[in-house]
Amino acid sequence: MLLVLALTVSALDWVAVAFQLRPMEYVCKPTAAIVFLMTALTLDPADEVARAVLVVALVFCVAGDVFLMLPRDAFLPGLGSFAVAQILFTISFALREPTLTGAIVGVVAVVVGATVLARRFIGALRRSGSGSMVPAILVYVTVISAMVVSAVAGGSPVAIAGAVLFMISDSLIAEERFVSSRRWQRLVIIVTYHMALAGLVLGLV
C-alpha cells in the first residue's frame, strides 16, 4: 500500500512539473520521497543493516529535494545532501555480499560514462565563468559513480536499474543547469528520479 501511495504521489508530482504547478510540486516532491522512505521501513529486507543505511540515505534525499525546490538558489546544499545520500547508498550495497566480477563490470561501464559526462559539465562550467563549482561537481560525479558500481557489484537487477536511473536523473539536472535547458528535461528528471527511488527501495528485498 505504501509503495502504491509513493508511486501515486510521484505521478501527481509529474503532473505538477509538466503543468508548472509549483505549490503542488512543493508538496508532492518531498512527500513522495518520504513515502518511499516509509516503504523501505516496512519491507522485509535481505539485510537489516543495509536497510537502515538506505533509510538514512533517503532522509538526505528528502533534504536535497527541499533545497533544490527553494525559490532562492540552494543548489550547493542540495548537491551536498544528495552526495551524502550517494555515499550511504554505496555503503548499503556494499553490505549485500558484492562480487568482484560485478565490481569490475561496474567500474568499466561507469568510468567511461562518468568521464564523458564530467568533461562535458566541467567544460560548460569553465566557459560560463563558474569554474569555482568544478570541485563540487567532480566530487559528486565520483560519489554517484561509486554508488552505481556498488549497485552492480552487490545489488539485485531492480536495485541496479534504480542506481542507473539515479545517475541519469542527476546527469540531466547538470545538463539543464550547466549546458542547455529544454522544456522536456524537468519532467524526465523527476520521472527518472522517482523510478530510481522505487528501484533502490525494492532492491532491499
C-alpha atoms as a PDB file:
ATOM      1  CA  MET A   1       0.000   0.000   0.000  1.00  0.00           C
ATOM      2  CA  LEU A   2       2.806   2.407   0.824  1.00  0.00           C
ATOM      3  CA  LEU A   3       4.542   1.655  -2.461  1.00  0.00           C
ATOM      4  CA  VAL A   4       1.316   2.356  -4.362  1.00  0.00           C
ATOM      5  CA  LEU A   5       0.932   5.596  -2.393  1.00  0.00           C
ATOM      6  CA  ALA A   6       4.531   6.587  -3.157  1.00  0.00           C
ATOM      7  CA  LEU A   7       4.018   5.984  -6.871  1.00  0.00           C
ATOM      8  CA  THR A   8       0.711   7.857  -6.803  1.00  0.00           C
ATOM      9  CA  VAL A   9       2.263  10.907  -5.142  1.00  0.00           C
ATOM     10  CA  SER A  10       5.141  10.648  -7.619  1.00  0.00           C
ATOM     11  CA  ALA A  11       2.684  10.706 -10.521  1.00  0.00           C
ATOM     12  CA  LEU A  12       0.999  13.780  -9.055  1.00  0.00           C
ATOM     13  CA  ASP A  13       4.402  15.441  -8.868  1.00  0.00           C
ATOM     14  CA  TRP A  14       4.989  14.607 -12.546  1.00  0.00           C
ATOM     15  CA  VAL A  15       1.725  16.354 -13.368  1.00  0.00           C
ATOM     16  CA  ALA A  16       2.773  19.348 -11.275  1.00  0.00           C
ATOM     17  CA  VAL A  17       6.106  19.579 -13.109  1.00  0.00           C
ATOM     18  CA  ALA A  18       4.525  19.098 -16.537  1.00  0.00           C
ATOM     19  CA  PHE A  19       1.984  21.888 -15.968  1.00  0.00           C
ATOM     20  CA  GLN A  20       4.254  24.070 -13.800  1.00  0.00           C
ATOM     21  CA  LEU A  21       2.006  23.861 -10.740  1.00  0.00           C
ATOM     22  CA  ARG A  22       4.647  24.986  -8.252  1.00  0.00           C
ATOM     23  CA  PRO A  23       2.597  24.794  -4.998  1.00  0.00           C
ATOM     24  CA  MET A  24       1.574  21.243  -5.874  1.00  0.00           C
ATOM     25  CA  GLU A  25       5.182  20.379  -6.687  1.00  0.00           C
ATOM     26  CA  TYR A  26       6.375  21.782  -3.341  1.00  0.00           C
ATOM     27  CA  VAL A  27       4.048  19.328  -1.588  1.00  0.00           C
ATOM     28  CA  CYS A  28       4.371  16.254  -3.775  1.00  0.00           C
ATOM     29  CA  LYS A  29       8.126  16.050  -4.387  1.00  0.00           C
ATOM     30  CA  PRO A  30       9.326  15.716  -0.767  1.00  0.00           C
ATOM     31  CA  THR A  31       6.201  13.755   0.161  1.00  0.00           C
ATOM     32  CA  ALA A  32       6.973  11.124  -2.473  1.00  0.00           C
ATOM     33  CA  ALA A  33      10.490  10.641  -1.083  1.00  0.00           C
ATOM     34  CA  ILE A  34       9.101  10.424   2.460  1.00  0.00           C
ATOM     35  CA  VAL A  35       6.621   7.719   1.447  1.00  0.00           C
ATOM     36  CA  PHE A  36       9.381   5.768  -0.328  1.00  0.00           C
ATOM     37  CA  LEU A  37      11.302   6.014   2.959  1.00  0.00           C
ATOM     38  CA  MET A  38       8.277   4.676   4.845  1.00  0.00           C
ATOM     39  CA  THR A  39       8.023   1.855   2.308  1.00  0.00           C
ATOM     40  CA  ALA A  40      11.643   0.905   2.977  1.00  0.00           C
ATOM     41  CA  LEU A  41      10.910   0.779   6.710  1.00  0.00           C
ATOM     42  CA  THR A  42       8.051  -1.704   6.235  1.00  0.00           C
ATOM     43  CA  LEU A  43       9.717  -4.152   3.831  1.00  0.00           C
ATOM     44  CA  ASP A  44      11.234  -7.474   4.887  1.00  0.00           C
ATOM     45  CA  PRO A  45      14.818  -6.783   3.756  1.00  0.00           C
ATOM     46  CA  ALA A  46      17.529  -9.248   2.858  1.00  0.00           C
ATOM     47  CA  ASP A  47      19.833  -7.335   5.227  1.00  0.00           C
ATOM     48  CA  GLU A  48      18.625  -5.201   8.154  1.00  0.00           C
ATOM     49  CA  VAL A  49      21.775  -3.089   8.365  1.00  0.00           C
ATOM     50  CA  ALA A  50      21.700  -2.376   4.631  1.00  0.00           C
ATOM     51  CA  ARG A  51      18.073  -1.267   5.037  1.00  0.00           C
ATOM     52  CA  ALA A  52      18.966   1.042   7.942  1.00  0.00           C
ATOM     53  CA  VAL A  53      21.718   2.722   5.923  1.00  0.00           C
ATOM     54  CA  LEU A  54      19.426   3.114   2.904  1.00  0.00           C
ATOM     55  CA  VAL A  55      16.729   4.702   5.070  1.00  0.00           C
ATOM     56  CA  VAL A  56      19.206   7.338   6.276  1.00  0.00           C
ATOM     57  CA  ALA A  57      20.189   7.912   2.636  1.00  0.00           C
ATOM     58  CA  LEU A  58      16.535   8.573   1.826  1.00  0.00           C
ATOM     59  CA  VAL A  59      16.397  11.149   4.633  1.00  0.00           C
ATOM     60  CA  PHE A  60      19.170  13.043   2.859  1.00  0.00           C
ATOM     61  CA  CYS A  61      17.250  12.702  -0.423  1.00  0.00           C
ATOM     62  CA  VAL A  62      14.285  14.417   1.227  1.00  0.00           C
ATOM     63  CA  ALA A  63      16.600  17.214   2.400  1.00  0.00           C
ATOM     64  CA  GLY A  64      18.068  17.510  -1.092  1.00  0.00           C
ATOM     65  CA  ASP A  65      14.588  17.709  -2.603  1.00  0.00           C
ATOM     66  CA  VAL A  66      13.709  20.606  -0.308  1.00  0.00           C
ATOM     67  CA  PHE A  67      16.929  22.505  -1.037  1.00  0.00           C
ATOM     68  CA  LEU A  68      16.519  22.158  -4.805  1.00  0.00           C
ATOM     69  CA  MET A  69      12.927  23.387  -4.663  1.00  0.00           C
ATOM     70  CA  LEU A  70      13.599  26.569  -2.694  1.00  0.00           C
ATOM     71  CA  PRO A  71      12.925  29.844  -4.524  1.00  0.00           C
ATOM     72  CA  ARG A  72      16.437  31.015  -3.672  1.00  0.00           C
ATOM     73  CA  ASP A  73      19.397  29.217  -5.191  1.00  0.00           C
ATOM     74  CA  ALA A  74      20.325  26.415  -2.786  1.00  0.00           C
ATOM     75  CA  PHE A  75      21.963  24.184  -5.391  1.00  0.00           C
ATOM     76  CA  LEU A  76      25.145  23.510  -3.411  1.00  0.00           C
ATOM     77  CA  PRO A  77      23.336  22.471  -0.183  1.00  0.00           C
ATOM     78  CA  GLY A  78      21.111  20.271  -2.337  1.00  0.00           C
ATOM     79  CA  LEU A  79      24.148  18.808  -4.073  1.00  0.00           C
ATOM     80  CA  GLY A  80      25.765  18.163  -0.690  1.00  0.00           C
ATOM     81  CA  SER A  81      22.670  16.413   0.645  1.00  0.00           C
ATOM     82  CA  PHE A  82      22.486  14.118  -2.360  1.00  0.00           C
ATOM     83  CA  ALA A  83      26.256  13.481  -2.199  1.00  0.00           C
ATOM     84  CA  VAL A  84      25.843  12.161   1.353  1.00  0.00           C
ATOM     85  CA  ALA A  85      22.882  10.088   0.154  1.00  0.00           C
ATOM     86  CA  GLN A  86      25.023   8.559  -2.623  1.00  0.00           C
ATOM     87  CA  ILE A  87      27.739   7.632  -0.137  1.00  0.00           C
ATOM     88  CA  LEU A  88      25.152   5.947   2.078  1.00  0.00           C
ATOM     89  CA  PHE A  89      23.599   4.102  -0.875  1.00  0.00           C
ATOM     90  CA  THR A  90      27.100   2.886  -1.744  1.00  0.00           C
ATOM     91  CA  ILE A  91      27.591   1.558   1.796  1.00  0.00           C
ATOM     92  CA  SER A  92      24.164  -0.091   1.697  1.00  0.00           C
ATOM     93  CA  PHE A  93      25.077  -2.017  -1.460  1.00  0.00           C
ATOM     94  CA  ALA A  94      28.496  -2.907  -0.043  1.00  0.00           C
ATOM     95  CA  LEU A  95      26.745  -4.690   2.828  1.00  0.00           C
ATOM     96  CA  ARG A  96      24.951  -7.081   0.427  1.00  0.00           C
ATOM     97  CA  GLU A  97      27.750  -9.504  -0.479  1.00  0.00           C
ATOM     98  CA  PRO A  98      29.156  -7.720  -3.546  1.00  0.00           C
ATOM     99  CA  THR A  99      31.063  -9.795  -6.104  1.00  0.00           C
ATOM    100  CA  LEU A 100      34.421  -8.989  -7.676  1.00  0.00           C
ATOM    101  CA  THR A 101      33.065  -9.713 -11.156  1.00  0.00           C
ATOM    102  CA  GLY A 102      30.193  -7.309 -10.626  1.00  0.00           C
ATOM    103  CA  ALA A 103      32.556  -4.642  -9.343  1.00  0.00           C
ATOM    104  CA  ILE A 104      34.816  -4.968 -12.392  1.00  0.00           C
ATOM    105  CA  VAL A 105      31.853  -4.775 -14.785  1.00  0.00           C
ATOM    106  CA  GLY A 106      30.535  -1.761 -12.901  1.00  0.00           C
ATOM    107  CA  VAL A 107      33.866   0.067 -12.953  1.00  0.00           C
ATOM    108  CA  VAL A 108      34.370  -0.490 -16.687  1.00  0.00           C
ATOM    109  CA  ALA A 109      30.853   0.666 -17.563  1.00  0.00           C
ATOM    110  CA  VAL A 110      30.655   3.601 -15.178  1.00  0.00           C
ATOM    111  CA  VAL A 111      34.109   5.086 -15.641  1.00  0.00           C
ATOM    112  CA  VAL A 112      33.571   5.549 -19.368  1.00  0.00           C
ATOM    113  CA  GLY A 113      30.190   7.219 -18.952  1.00  0.00           C
ATOM    114  CA  ALA A 114      31.207   9.320 -15.952  1.00  0.00           C
ATOM    115  CA  THR A 115      34.334  10.591 -17.721  1.00  0.00           C
ATOM    116  CA  VAL A 116      32.335  11.766 -20.731  1.00  0.00           C
ATOM    117  CA  LEU A 117      29.747  13.476 -18.530  1.00  0.00           C
ATOM    118  CA  ALA A 118      32.309  15.097 -16.233  1.00  0.00           C
ATOM    119  CA  ARG A 119      34.238  16.562 -19.168  1.00  0.00           C
ATOM    120  CA  ARG A 120      31.019  17.922 -20.671  1.00  0.00           C
ATOM    121  CA  PHE A 121      29.806  19.581 -17.468  1.00  0.00           C
ATOM    122  CA  ILE A 122      33.194  20.901 -16.368  1.00  0.00           C
ATOM    123  CA  GLY A 123      33.801  22.378 -19.810  1.00  0.00           C
ATOM    124  CA  ALA A 124      30.424  24.139 -19.658  1.00  0.00           C
ATOM    125  CA  LEU A 125      31.155  25.482 -16.167  1.00  0.00           C
ATOM    126  CA  ARG A 126      34.503  26.914 -17.201  1.00  0.00           C
ATOM    127  CA  ARG A 127      33.076  28.515 -20.322  1.00  0.00           C
ATOM    128  CA  SER A 128      30.353  30.183 -18.250  1.00  0.00           C
ATOM    129  CA  GLY A 129      32.794  31.527 -15.680  1.00  0.00           C
ATOM    130  CA  SER A 130      31.565  29.187 -12.930  1.00  0.00           C
ATOM    131  CA  GLY A 131      34.832  27.300 -12.540  1.00  0.00           C
ATOM    132  CA  SER A 132      34.599  27.548  -8.748  1.00  0.00           C
ATOM    133  CA  MET A 133      31.918  24.855  -8.843  1.00  0.00           C
ATOM    134  CA  VAL A 134      34.138  22.331 -10.634  1.00  0.00           C
ATOM    135  CA  PRO A 135      35.482  20.659  -7.431  1.00  0.00           C
ATOM    136  CA  ALA A 136      31.955  20.146  -6.089  1.00  0.00           C
ATOM    137  CA  ILE A 137      30.797  18.632  -9.390  1.00  0.00           C
ATOM    138  CA  LEU A 138      33.831  16.338  -9.529  1.00  0.00           C
ATOM    139  CA  VAL A 139      33.139  15.102  -6.004  1.00  0.00           C
ATOM    140  CA  TYR A 140      29.515  14.427  -6.853  1.00  0.00           C
ATOM    141  CA  VAL A 141      30.329  12.604 -10.092  1.00  0.00           C
ATOM    142  CA  THR A 142      32.760  10.455  -8.109  1.00  0.00           C
ATOM    143  CA  VAL A 143      30.320   9.518  -5.356  1.00  0.00           C
ATOM    144  CA  ILE A 144      27.398   8.741  -7.655  1.00  0.00           C
ATOM    145  CA  SER A 145      29.715   6.679  -9.880  1.00  0.00           C
ATOM    146  CA  ALA A 146      30.828   4.734  -6.805  1.00  0.00           C
ATOM    147  CA  MET A 147      27.170   4.165  -5.935  1.00  0.00           C
ATOM    148  CA  VAL A 148      26.399   2.696  -9.349  1.00  0.00           C
ATOM    149  CA  VAL A 149      29.499   0.474  -9.229  1.00  0.00           C
ATOM    150  CA  SER A 150      28.495  -0.723  -5.762  1.00  0.00           C
ATOM    151  CA  ALA A 151      24.980  -1.452  -7.031  1.00  0.00           C
ATOM    152  CA  VAL A 152      26.269  -3.513  -9.948  1.00  0.00           C
ATOM    153  CA  ALA A 153      28.578  -5.403  -7.575  1.00  0.00           C
ATOM    154  CA  GLY A 154      26.086  -6.139  -4.809  1.00  0.00           C
ATOM    155  CA  GLY A 155      22.564  -5.238  -5.850  1.00  0.00           C
ATOM    156  CA  SER A 156      19.674  -7.049  -7.466  1.00  0.00           C
ATOM    157  CA  PRO A 157      18.639  -6.179 -11.051  1.00  0.00           C
ATOM    158  CA  VAL A 158      15.914  -3.823  -9.818  1.00  0.00           C
ATOM    159  CA  ALA A 159      18.385  -2.065  -7.499  1.00  0.00           C
ATOM    160  CA  ILE A 160      20.908  -1.726 -10.333  1.00  0.00           C
ATOM    161  CA  ALA A 161      18.194  -0.188 -12.504  1.00  0.00           C
ATOM    162  CA  GLY A 162      17.412   2.245  -9.687  1.00  0.00           C
ATOM    163  CA  ALA A 163      21.060   3.258  -9.346  1.00  0.00           C
ATOM    164  CA  VAL A 164      21.449   3.802 -13.096  1.00  0.00           C
ATOM    165  CA  LEU A 165      18.230   5.848 -13.233  1.00  0.00           C
ATOM    166  CA  PHE A 166      19.522   7.998 -10.371  1.00  0.00           C
ATOM    167  CA  MET A 167      22.669   8.760 -12.342  1.00  0.00           C
ATOM    168  CA  ILE A 168      20.614   9.556 -15.452  1.00  0.00           C
ATOM    169  CA  SER A 169      18.359  11.896 -13.471  1.00  0.00           C
ATOM    170  CA  ASP A 170      21.286  13.756 -11.911  1.00  0.00           C
ATOM    171  CA  SER A 171      23.090  13.971 -15.249  1.00  0.00           C
ATOM    172  CA  LEU A 172      20.024  15.627 -16.751  1.00  0.00           C
ATOM    173  CA  ILE A 173      19.945  18.112 -13.857  1.00  0.00           C
ATOM    174  CA  ALA A 174      23.544  19.062 -14.621  1.00  0.00           C
ATOM    175  CA  GLU A 175      22.784  19.210 -18.347  1.00  0.00           C
ATOM    176  CA  GLU A 176      19.849  21.544 -17.746  1.00  0.00           C
ATOM    177  CA  ARG A 177      21.702  23.763 -15.281  1.00  0.00           C
ATOM    178  CA  PHE A 178      25.132  23.999 -16.896  1.00  0.00           C
ATOM    179  CA  VAL A 179      24.845  23.126 -20.600  1.00  0.00           C
ATOM    180  CA  SER A 180      21.428  23.760 -22.150  1.00  0.00           C
ATOM    181  CA  SER A 181      17.845  23.816 -20.887  1.00  0.00           C
ATOM    182  CA  ARG A 182      14.994  22.151 -22.784  1.00  0.00           C
ATOM    183  CA  ARG A 183      11.303  22.020 -21.937  1.00  0.00           C
ATOM    184  CA  TRP A 184      11.159  18.238 -21.548  1.00  0.00           C
ATOM    185  CA  GLN A 185      14.110  17.958 -19.167  1.00  0.00           C
ATOM    186  CA  ARG A 186      12.403  18.764 -15.855  1.00  0.00           C
ATOM    187  CA  LEU A 187       9.723  16.129 -16.421  1.00  0.00           C
ATOM    188  CA  VAL A 188      12.218  13.427 -17.401  1.00  0.00           C
ATOM    189  CA  ILE A 189      14.406  14.370 -14.425  1.00  0.00           C
ATOM    190  CA  ILE A 190      11.611  13.874 -11.911  1.00  0.00           C
ATOM    191  CA  VAL A 191      10.258  10.678 -13.510  1.00  0.00           C
ATOM    192  CA  THR A 192      13.692   9.018 -13.562  1.00  0.00           C
ATOM    193  CA  TYR A 193      14.361  10.218 -10.003  1.00  0.00           C
ATOM    194  CA  HIS A 194      11.207   8.663  -8.582  1.00  0.00           C
ATOM    195  CA  MET A 195      11.732   5.447 -10.545  1.00  0.00           C
ATOM    196  CA  ALA A 196      15.264   5.395  -9.131  1.00  0.00           C
ATOM    197  CA  LEU A 197      13.957   5.637  -5.570  1.00  0.00           C
ATOM    198  CA  ALA A 198      11.446   2.856  -6.292  1.00  0.00           C
ATOM    199  CA  GLY A 199      14.198   0.604  -7.618  1.00  0.00           C
ATOM    200  CA  LEU A 200      16.531   1.308  -4.699  1.00  0.00           C
ATOM    201  CA  VAL A 201      13.800   0.594  -2.173  1.00  0.00           C
ATOM    202  CA  LEU A 202      12.526  -2.571  -3.865  1.00  0.00           C
ATOM    203  CA  GLY A 203      16.129  -3.737  -4.214  1.00  0.00           C
ATOM    204  CA  LEU A 204      16.185  -4.264  -0.446  1.00  0.00           C
ATOM    205  CA  VAL A 205      14.002  -7.360  -0.744  1.00  0.00           C
END
